[in-house]
Structure formats: C-alpha cells, structure tokens
Amino acid sequence: MIDIDLTDPDMVILSPNGALSESDFDMVAKAIDTRINETDRVPNLVVRLDRLPHWDSLGALTRHFNFVRMHQQIVAKIAVVGDSPLLSVVPEIADHFVKAKIRRFPATKLADAKAWARAAEDDPGYFEEIEGLPSDVVALRAVGIITAQDYHDMLLPLVEEKLKGHDKIKCLIVLDEEYTTYSADAAWSDMKFGVGHIRNFSRAALVTDIGWITKAAKLFMPLIPFAFETFPLAELENAKKWIKR
C-alpha cells in the first residue's frame, strides 16, 4: 500500500509500505493530477521509505514504470527519505532515466527533505572551513546537501593551494547534525578526487555519528595507502589532535 499525505499545499508525501499493487499507483497518479488541476501547480514529491517495498505482481511493476514515465517530465523534485544503504544509489541511477531532480535524505532529516522540496531552487549545501589547525591540514565541516559543485568551488582549490607549500597534506572532514546528504554527482566527484589525490595525503580523519558512513569508510580502510581513522562527534578534539601528528 502507499499512504498519500496531501496536507501540505507545496508537496505530496508518499509512504510506500509492503506489497504495492496496481491500484496503489492509480491512486497516487489521481492524487497528483487532482492537486495539479486544483492549484494549477505541479507539486514536488517526498517519498518516505522506512523499509524497501515490493510489487505484488508484474502488472504493479508495469503500472509503476508507467507512472514514472508520465510524471517524471512534470515533477521538478523528488526527495527520497530513508536509511537503507540501497537508497544511496537511487539518485545516481534515476538521473539517467528521469528529468526530475532527485535527492536522498536520511530518515532523521525529514524536515530538511520537506524544506528542499518546498524551495524554488536546488538549495545545495557547502563546505565550511574549520579554523585553528596547522597549515598542512584541510579541515572542513559539511553543511546541508553536498554536491559536485562544492568539490569544484572549495575542496579542490583548497587542496591545490595547500599543496603549493607542502609535499603531503592531511584532511579532516566533519559530518555533524548540520550535514544532510551527498548528491549522486558529489559521490562521483568524491571518488575522482580520492583517486586523483591519493598520494598527496599522509593521513585523514572522518568525524561523524552516521553509522552507515562510518561502516563504509572502515570497509575501504585496507585500500587506503595512508593513515585513516574515524571518530564519533564527541571525540572531535581527539580527531584534531590525531590529525596534527
């Protein structure tokens, strides 16, 4: 089934759960089309996924694809809210098939997802520099939705500037309560950045309480050719001391 919340005039909030039927997608399409006819405005979508649903038949799958095909041309934004690791690849895959801008938000950031869906623009985030560390340390706090543009505008220039005075540099990244998510293009930029500068770093620290990010970082630790550690937010000062070594 799909719970349809129409209480917010700026968006339609969908909460799929369990087996999804053909009639579920018919009701969603009707709700969106009715909202468009009543307001003469296309609502953005917020999709809450506490757990990944499934289709109850091939007909439901076909109806889902038809719904996406018909509405992706007119809906400007879709916020996907949930903590399943599989959701991290949804925006990247969907970007190849739909016109709508899709952003993924963790379950704790539902309010941010609604704010993004309500905003006229993409409303991305930014990197904020952390002061008080040695000149060979790139120390940044991620705020809001980090996109590829944030890498191009701040991270890359900062790294290149520090490499002018140091053969090796260090990196400290903080993902606290002000951080929302990475966009798909940011994830790709992150990978390209890591590959291109992997020999420029002597150590790096990641400070966050986001469990799946910490687990993913630890998974890649054996492949990183420099010292790398993760710290919870409560140990930020310890992370700063470690990165100075």
C-alpha atoms as a PDB file:
ATOM      1  CA  MET A   1       0.000   0.000   0.000  1.00  0.00           C
ATOM      2  CA  ILE A   2       1.003   3.662  -0.373  1.00  0.00           C
ATOM      3  CA  ASP A   3      -0.093   6.225   2.191  1.00  0.00           C
ATOM      4  CA  ILE A   4      -0.751   9.575   0.458  1.00  0.00           C
ATOM      5  CA  ASP A   5      -0.423  12.748   2.558  1.00  0.00           C
ATOM      6  CA  LEU A   6      -1.938  15.817   0.884  1.00  0.00           C
ATOM      7  CA  THR A   7      -1.947  18.129   3.906  1.00  0.00           C
ATOM      8  CA  ASP A   8       0.983  20.243   2.687  1.00  0.00           C
ATOM      9  CA  PRO A   9      -0.012  22.515  -0.197  1.00  0.00           C
ATOM     10  CA  ASP A  10       3.537  22.562  -1.607  1.00  0.00           C
ATOM     11  CA  MET A  11       4.112  18.809  -1.938  1.00  0.00           C
ATOM     12  CA  VAL A  12       2.664  15.317  -1.906  1.00  0.00           C
ATOM     13  CA  ILE A  13       4.155  12.980   0.702  1.00  0.00           C
ATOM     14  CA  LEU A  14       4.140   9.288  -0.197  1.00  0.00           C
ATOM     15  CA  SER A  15       4.857   6.446   2.239  1.00  0.00           C
ATOM     16  CA  PRO A  16       5.054   3.079   0.419  1.00  0.00           C
ATOM     17  CA  ASN A  17       4.912   0.005   2.623  1.00  0.00           C
ATOM     18  CA  GLY A  18       4.831  -3.723   1.917  1.00  0.00           C
ATOM     19  CA  ALA A  19       3.410  -5.051  -1.339  1.00  0.00           C
ATOM     20  CA  LEU A  20       2.493  -2.379  -3.886  1.00  0.00           C
ATOM     21  CA  SER A  21      -0.458  -3.012  -6.200  1.00  0.00           C
ATOM     22  CA  GLU A  22      -1.671  -1.565  -9.494  1.00  0.00           C
ATOM     23  CA  SER A  23      -4.398   0.327  -7.632  1.00  0.00           C
ATOM     24  CA  ASP A  24      -1.789   1.980  -5.396  1.00  0.00           C
ATOM     25  CA  PHE A  25      -0.141   3.667  -8.371  1.00  0.00           C
ATOM     26  CA  ASP A  26      -3.546   4.572  -9.849  1.00  0.00           C
ATOM     27  CA  MET A  27      -4.408   6.362  -6.572  1.00  0.00           C
ATOM     28  CA  VAL A  28      -1.083   8.206  -6.466  1.00  0.00           C
ATOM     29  CA  ALA A  29      -1.451   9.351 -10.069  1.00  0.00           C
ATOM     30  CA  LYS A  30      -5.023  10.505  -9.380  1.00  0.00           C
ATOM     31  CA  ALA A  31      -3.943  12.404  -6.244  1.00  0.00           C
ATOM     32  CA  ILE A  32      -1.152  14.235  -8.076  1.00  0.00           C
ATOM     33  CA  ASP A  33      -3.291  15.025 -11.109  1.00  0.00           C
ATOM     34  CA  THR A  34      -6.109  16.294  -8.860  1.00  0.00           C
ATOM     35  CA  ARG A  35      -3.660  18.549  -6.993  1.00  0.00           C
ATOM     36  CA  ILE A  36      -2.404  19.945 -10.321  1.00  0.00           C
ATOM     37  CA  ASN A  37      -5.945  20.634 -11.551  1.00  0.00           C
ATOM     38  CA  GLU A  38      -6.975  22.285  -8.256  1.00  0.00           C
ATOM     39  CA  THR A  39      -3.934  24.526  -7.841  1.00  0.00           C
ATOM     40  CA  ASP A  40      -2.666  24.851 -11.407  1.00  0.00           C
ATOM     41  CA  ARG A  41       0.745  23.927  -9.993  1.00  0.00           C
ATOM     42  CA  VAL A  42       2.779  20.698 -10.087  1.00  0.00           C
ATOM     43  CA  PRO A  43       3.643  19.502  -6.562  1.00  0.00           C
ATOM     44  CA  ASN A  44       7.038  18.118  -5.679  1.00  0.00           C
ATOM     45  CA  LEU A  45       7.200  14.690  -4.047  1.00  0.00           C
ATOM     46  CA  VAL A  46       8.586  13.454  -0.739  1.00  0.00           C
ATOM     47  CA  VAL A  47       8.852   9.652  -0.642  1.00  0.00           C
ATOM     48  CA  ARG A  48       9.330   8.120   2.827  1.00  0.00           C
ATOM     49  CA  LEU A  49      10.883   4.656   2.728  1.00  0.00           C
ATOM     50  CA  ASP A  50      11.199   3.209   6.228  1.00  0.00           C
ATOM     51  CA  ARG A  51      11.794  -0.114   4.505  1.00  0.00           C
ATOM     52  CA  LEU A  52      12.017  -1.031   0.840  1.00  0.00           C
ATOM     53  CA  PRO A  53       8.621  -2.084  -0.574  1.00  0.00           C
ATOM     54  CA  HIS A  54       7.986  -4.556  -3.389  1.00  0.00           C
ATOM     55  CA  TRP A  55       5.440  -5.098  -6.162  1.00  0.00           C
ATOM     56  CA  ASP A  56       2.689  -7.656  -5.708  1.00  0.00           C
ATOM     57  CA  SER A  57       2.551  -8.504  -9.416  1.00  0.00           C
ATOM     58  CA  LEU A  58       4.091  -7.846 -12.812  1.00  0.00           C
ATOM     59  CA  GLY A  59       1.130  -5.595 -13.506  1.00  0.00           C
ATOM     60  CA  ALA A  60       2.034  -3.430 -10.487  1.00  0.00           C
ATOM     61  CA  LEU A  61       5.616  -3.156 -11.734  1.00  0.00           C
ATOM     62  CA  THR A  62       4.372  -2.099 -15.169  1.00  0.00           C
ATOM     63  CA  ARG A  63       1.985   0.437 -13.640  1.00  0.00           C
ATOM     64  CA  HIS A  64       4.862   1.840 -11.558  1.00  0.00           C
ATOM     65  CA  PHE A  65       7.009   2.330 -14.670  1.00  0.00           C
ATOM     66  CA  ASN A  66       4.082   3.975 -16.468  1.00  0.00           C
ATOM     67  CA  PHE A  67       3.535   6.319 -13.530  1.00  0.00           C
ATOM     68  CA  VAL A  68       7.209   7.345 -13.577  1.00  0.00           C
ATOM     69  CA  ARG A  69       7.182   7.773 -17.361  1.00  0.00           C
ATOM     70  CA  MET A  70       4.105  10.004 -17.272  1.00  0.00           C
ATOM     71  CA  HIS A  71       5.026  12.188 -14.292  1.00  0.00           C
ATOM     72  CA  GLN A  72       8.823  12.495 -14.361  1.00  0.00           C
ATOM     73  CA  GLN A  73       8.552  15.121 -17.108  1.00  0.00           C
ATOM     74  CA  ILE A  74       6.479  17.489 -14.964  1.00  0.00           C
ATOM     75  CA  VAL A  75       7.522  16.874 -11.335  1.00  0.00           C
ATOM     76  CA  ALA A  76      10.604  19.010 -10.675  1.00  0.00           C
ATOM     77  CA  LYS A  77      11.858  17.490  -7.406  1.00  0.00           C
ATOM     78  CA  ILE A  78      11.645  14.160  -5.601  1.00  0.00           C
ATOM     79  CA  ALA A  79      13.054  13.810  -2.075  1.00  0.00           C
ATOM     80  CA  VAL A  80      13.676  10.184  -1.084  1.00  0.00           C
ATOM     81  CA  VAL A  81      13.825   9.779   2.710  1.00  0.00           C
ATOM     82  CA  GLY A  82      15.187   6.627   4.356  1.00  0.00           C
ATOM     83  CA  ASP A  83      18.234   4.897   5.781  1.00  0.00           C
ATOM     84  CA  SER A  84      18.530   1.788   3.607  1.00  0.00           C
ATOM     85  CA  PRO A  85      22.048   1.608   2.068  1.00  0.00           C
ATOM     86  CA  LEU A  86      20.405   0.739  -1.259  1.00  0.00           C
ATOM     87  CA  LEU A  87      18.839   4.203  -1.347  1.00  0.00           C
ATOM     88  CA  SER A  88      22.284   5.768  -1.722  1.00  0.00           C
ATOM     89  CA  VAL A  89      22.371   4.672  -5.386  1.00  0.00           C
ATOM     90  CA  VAL A  90      18.785   5.680  -6.212  1.00  0.00           C
ATOM     91  CA  PRO A  91      19.538   9.278  -7.307  1.00  0.00           C
ATOM     92  CA  GLU A  92      22.535   8.259  -9.408  1.00  0.00           C
ATOM     93  CA  ILE A  93      20.598   5.571 -11.270  1.00  0.00           C
ATOM     94  CA  ALA A  94      17.447   7.647 -11.618  1.00  0.00           C
ATOM     95  CA  ASP A  95      19.353  10.596 -13.082  1.00  0.00           C
ATOM     96  CA  HIS A  96      19.819   8.539 -16.252  1.00  0.00           C
ATOM     97  CA  PHE A  97      16.087   7.923 -16.669  1.00  0.00           C
ATOM     98  CA  VAL A  98      14.088  10.818 -15.248  1.00  0.00           C
ATOM     99  CA  LYS A  99      14.026  14.562 -15.712  1.00  0.00           C
ATOM    100  CA  ALA A 100      13.107  15.314 -12.072  1.00  0.00           C
ATOM    101  CA  LYS A 101      15.881  16.261  -9.645  1.00  0.00           C
ATOM    102  CA  ILE A 102      16.191  13.532  -7.010  1.00  0.00           C
ATOM    103  CA  ARG A 103      17.902  13.908  -3.625  1.00  0.00           C
ATOM    104  CA  ARG A 104      18.270  11.272  -0.923  1.00  0.00           C
ATOM    105  CA  PHE A 105      17.889  12.229   2.769  1.00  0.00           C
ATOM    106  CA  PRO A 106      18.406  10.126   5.921  1.00  0.00           C
ATOM    107  CA  ALA A 107      15.288   9.348   7.969  1.00  0.00           C
ATOM    108  CA  THR A 108      16.260  11.888  10.645  1.00  0.00           C
ATOM    109  CA  LYS A 109      16.289  14.680   8.029  1.00  0.00           C
ATOM    110  CA  LEU A 110      12.611  14.570   7.005  1.00  0.00           C
ATOM    111  CA  ALA A 111      12.235  18.278   7.803  1.00  0.00           C
ATOM    112  CA  ASP A 112      15.205  19.059   5.546  1.00  0.00           C
ATOM    113  CA  ALA A 113      13.689  16.937   2.782  1.00  0.00           C
ATOM    114  CA  LYS A 114      10.435  18.894   3.010  1.00  0.00           C
ATOM    115  CA  ALA A 115      12.313  22.207   3.048  1.00  0.00           C
ATOM    116  CA  TRP A 116      14.252  21.182  -0.071  1.00  0.00           C
ATOM    117  CA  ALA A 117      11.075  20.037  -1.830  1.00  0.00           C
ATOM    118  CA  ARG A 118       9.426  23.354  -0.949  1.00  0.00           C
ATOM    119  CA  ALA A 119      12.345  25.545  -2.098  1.00  0.00           C
ATOM    120  CA  ALA A 120      12.242  27.004  -5.591  1.00  0.00           C
ATOM    121  CA  GLU A 121      15.899  26.173  -6.281  1.00  0.00           C
ATOM    122  CA  ASP A 122      18.046  23.110  -5.614  1.00  0.00           C
ATOM    123  CA  ASP A 123      19.273  24.730  -2.374  1.00  0.00           C
ATOM    124  CA  PRO A 124      22.563  22.820  -2.082  1.00  0.00           C
ATOM    125  CA  GLY A 125      24.918  22.929   0.902  1.00  0.00           C
ATOM    126  CA  TYR A 126      28.558  23.889   1.275  1.00  0.00           C
ATOM    127  CA  PHE A 127      31.864  23.080   2.957  1.00  0.00           C
ATOM    128  CA  GLU A 128      32.783  25.267   5.947  1.00  0.00           C
ATOM    129  CA  GLU A 129      36.474  25.530   6.826  1.00  0.00           C
ATOM    130  CA  ILE A 130      37.459  24.627  10.398  1.00  0.00           C
ATOM    131  CA  GLU A 131      39.994  27.071  11.787  1.00  0.00           C
ATOM    132  CA  GLY A 132      42.811  26.572  14.269  1.00  0.00           C
ATOM    133  CA  LEU A 133      44.652  23.663  12.655  1.00  0.00           C
ATOM    134  CA  PRO A 134      48.164  23.577  11.088  1.00  0.00           C
ATOM    135  CA  SER A 135      48.650  24.867   7.551  1.00  0.00           C
ATOM    136  CA  ASP A 136      49.088  21.357   6.148  1.00  0.00           C
ATOM    137  CA  VAL A 137      45.576  20.308   7.246  1.00  0.00           C
ATOM    138  CA  VAL A 138      42.454  20.616   5.106  1.00  0.00           C
ATOM    139  CA  ALA A 139      39.707  20.722   7.752  1.00  0.00           C
ATOM    140  CA  LEU A 140      36.107  21.019   6.575  1.00  0.00           C
ATOM    141  CA  ARG A 141      32.609  20.695   8.005  1.00  0.00           C
ATOM    142  CA  ALA A 142      29.909  19.632   5.553  1.00  0.00           C
ATOM    143  CA  VAL A 143      26.638  21.581   5.786  1.00  0.00           C
ATOM    144  CA  GLY A 144      23.390  20.673   4.029  1.00  0.00           C
ATOM    145  CA  ILE A 145      23.378  18.855   0.689  1.00  0.00           C
ATOM    146  CA  ILE A 146      26.907  18.452  -0.670  1.00  0.00           C
ATOM    147  CA  THR A 147      27.085  18.490  -4.463  1.00  0.00           C
ATOM    148  CA  ALA A 148      29.835  18.166  -7.058  1.00  0.00           C
ATOM    149  CA  GLN A 149      29.903  21.962  -7.302  1.00  0.00           C
ATOM    150  CA  ASP A 150      31.041  22.150  -3.662  1.00  0.00           C
ATOM    151  CA  TYR A 151      34.059  19.991  -4.553  1.00  0.00           C
ATOM    152  CA  HIS A 152      34.919  22.205  -7.518  1.00  0.00           C
ATOM    153  CA  ASP A 153      34.329  25.501  -5.700  1.00  0.00           C
ATOM    154  CA  MET A 154      36.024  24.835  -2.359  1.00  0.00           C
ATOM    155  CA  LEU A 155      37.638  21.453  -1.714  1.00  0.00           C
ATOM    156  CA  LEU A 156      39.777  21.183  -4.831  1.00  0.00           C
ATOM    157  CA  PRO A 157      41.080  24.792  -4.729  1.00  0.00           C
ATOM    158  CA  LEU A 158      41.863  24.461  -1.019  1.00  0.00           C
ATOM    159  CA  VAL A 159      43.789  21.212  -1.542  1.00  0.00           C
ATOM    160  CA  GLU A 160      45.721  22.619  -4.500  1.00  0.00           C
ATOM    161  CA  GLU A 161      46.607  25.776  -2.569  1.00  0.00           C
ATOM    162  CA  LYS A 162      47.949  23.790   0.402  1.00  0.00           C
ATOM    163  CA  LEU A 163      49.959  21.507  -1.887  1.00  0.00           C
ATOM    164  CA  LYS A 164      51.903  24.556  -3.073  1.00  0.00           C
ATOM    165  CA  GLY A 165      53.559  24.714   0.337  1.00  0.00           C
ATOM    166  CA  HIS A 166      53.566  21.051   1.392  1.00  0.00           C
ATOM    167  CA  ASP A 167      54.556  17.784  -0.279  1.00  0.00           C
ATOM    168  CA  LYS A 168      51.950  15.945   1.803  1.00  0.00           C
ATOM    169  CA  ILE A 169      48.813  17.251   3.442  1.00  0.00           C
ATOM    170  CA  LYS A 170      46.203  15.951   5.891  1.00  0.00           C
ATOM    171  CA  CYS A 171      42.414  16.016   5.768  1.00  0.00           C
ATOM    172  CA  LEU A 172      39.765  16.267   8.487  1.00  0.00           C
ATOM    173  CA  ILE A 173      36.092  16.014   7.495  1.00  0.00           C
ATOM    174  CA  VAL A 174      33.239  16.557   9.961  1.00  0.00           C
ATOM    175  CA  LEU A 175      29.685  15.357   9.246  1.00  0.00           C
ATOM    176  CA  ASP A 176      27.565  16.577  12.161  1.00  0.00           C
ATOM    177  CA  GLU A 177      23.900  17.419  12.671  1.00  0.00           C
ATOM    178  CA  GLU A 178      24.082  20.192  10.045  1.00  0.00           C
ATOM    179  CA  TYR A 179      25.070  17.710   7.333  1.00  0.00           C
ATOM    180  CA  THR A 180      22.178  16.361   5.252  1.00  0.00           C
ATOM    181  CA  THR A 181      23.428  14.183   2.406  1.00  0.00           C
ATOM    182  CA  TYR A 182      25.702  13.803  -0.630  1.00  0.00           C
ATOM    183  CA  SER A 183      24.190  14.133  -4.058  1.00  0.00           C
ATOM    184  CA  ALA A 184      24.959  11.486  -6.687  1.00  0.00           C
ATOM    185  CA  ASP A 185      27.292  13.822  -8.566  1.00  0.00           C
ATOM    186  CA  ALA A 186      29.130  14.589  -5.326  1.00  0.00           C
ATOM    187  CA  ALA A 187      29.714  10.880  -4.723  1.00  0.00           C
ATOM    188  CA  TRP A 188      31.258  10.631  -8.197  1.00  0.00           C
ATOM    189  CA  SER A 189      33.383  13.751  -7.580  1.00  0.00           C
ATOM    190  CA  ASP A 190      34.454  12.281  -4.231  1.00  0.00           C
ATOM    191  CA  MET A 191      35.718   9.138  -5.941  1.00  0.00           C
ATOM    192  CA  LYS A 192      37.550  11.088  -8.657  1.00  0.00           C
ATOM    193  CA  PHE A 193      39.035  13.395  -6.039  1.00  0.00           C
ATOM    194  CA  GLY A 194      40.264  10.455  -3.964  1.00  0.00           C
ATOM    195  CA  VAL A 195      41.856   8.698  -6.931  1.00  0.00           C
ATOM    196  CA  GLY A 196      43.495  11.869  -8.218  1.00  0.00           C
ATOM    197  CA  HIS A 197      44.973  12.951  -4.885  1.00  0.00           C
ATOM    198  CA  ILE A 198      45.515   9.650  -3.105  1.00  0.00           C
ATOM    199  CA  ARG A 199      49.302  10.145  -2.961  1.00  0.00           C
ATOM    200  CA  ASN A 200      49.031  13.733  -1.731  1.00  0.00           C
ATOM    201  CA  PHE A 201      47.764  12.796   1.739  1.00  0.00           C
ATOM    202  CA  SER A 202      49.678  11.478   4.730  1.00  0.00           C
ATOM    203  CA  ARG A 203      46.598  10.945   6.904  1.00  0.00           C
ATOM    204  CA  ALA A 204      42.862  11.643   7.039  1.00  0.00           C
ATOM    205  CA  ALA A 205      40.154  11.627   9.693  1.00  0.00           C
ATOM    206  CA  LEU A 206      36.375  11.349   9.373  1.00  0.00           C
ATOM    207  CA  VAL A 207      34.280  12.605  12.313  1.00  0.00           C
ATOM    208  CA  THR A 208      30.618  11.569  12.308  1.00  0.00           C
ATOM    209  CA  ASP A 209      27.909   9.692  14.184  1.00  0.00           C
ATOM    210  CA  ILE A 210      26.296   8.435  10.960  1.00  0.00           C
ATOM    211  CA  GLY A 211      26.621   4.669  11.292  1.00  0.00           C
ATOM    212  CA  TRP A 212      26.473   3.582   7.671  1.00  0.00           C
ATOM    213  CA  ILE A 213      29.047   6.182   6.609  1.00  0.00           C
ATOM    214  CA  THR A 214      31.431   5.037   9.344  1.00  0.00           C
ATOM    215  CA  LYS A 215      30.965   1.394   8.327  1.00  0.00           C
ATOM    216  CA  ALA A 216      31.548   2.203   4.652  1.00  0.00           C
ATOM    217  CA  ALA A 217      34.699   4.168   5.495  1.00  0.00           C
ATOM    218  CA  LYS A 218      36.082   1.297   7.578  1.00  0.00           C
ATOM    219  CA  LEU A 219      35.349  -1.114   4.746  1.00  0.00           C
ATOM    220  CA  PHE A 220      37.734   0.812   2.476  1.00  0.00           C
ATOM    221  CA  MET A 221      40.429   1.382   5.114  1.00  0.00           C
ATOM    222  CA  PRO A 222      42.645  -1.515   3.935  1.00  0.00           C
ATOM    223  CA  LEU A 223      42.781   0.016   0.442  1.00  0.00           C
ATOM    224  CA  ILE A 224      43.889   3.482   1.590  1.00  0.00           C
ATOM    225  CA  PRO A 225      47.688   3.997   1.374  1.00  0.00           C
ATOM    226  CA  PHE A 226      47.850   6.469   4.273  1.00  0.00           C
ATOM    227  CA  ALA A 227      46.744   6.639   7.914  1.00  0.00           C
ATOM    228  CA  PHE A 228      42.968   6.899   8.162  1.00  0.00           C
ATOM    229  CA  GLU A 229      40.739   6.942  11.256  1.00  0.00           C
ATOM    230  CA  THR A 230      37.080   7.526  12.082  1.00  0.00           C
ATOM    231  CA  PHE A 231      35.875   9.308  15.219  1.00  0.00           C
ATOM    232  CA  PRO A 232      32.430   9.965  16.746  1.00  0.00           C
ATOM    233  CA  LEU A 233      31.405  13.611  17.062  1.00  0.00           C
ATOM    234  CA  ALA A 234      32.042  13.528  20.812  1.00  0.00           C
ATOM    235  CA  GLU A 235      35.718  12.907  20.042  1.00  0.00           C
ATOM    236  CA  LEU A 236      36.243  15.801  17.638  1.00  0.00           C
ATOM    237  CA  GLU A 237      39.041  17.239  19.772  1.00  0.00           C
ATOM    238  CA  ASN A 238      40.809  13.859  19.779  1.00  0.00           C
ATOM    239  CA  ALA A 239      40.467  13.777  15.988  1.00  0.00           C
ATOM    240  CA  LYS A 240      42.099  17.210  15.787  1.00  0.00           C
ATOM    241  CA  LYS A 241      44.997  16.044  17.968  1.00  0.00           C
ATOM    242  CA  TRP A 242      45.403  12.897  15.848  1.00  0.00           C
ATOM    243  CA  ILE A 243      45.409  14.783  12.557  1.00  0.00           C
ATOM    244  CA  LYS A 244      48.190  17.088  13.812  1.00  0.00           C
ATOM    245  CA  ARG A 245      50.679  14.236  14.276  1.00  0.00           C
END
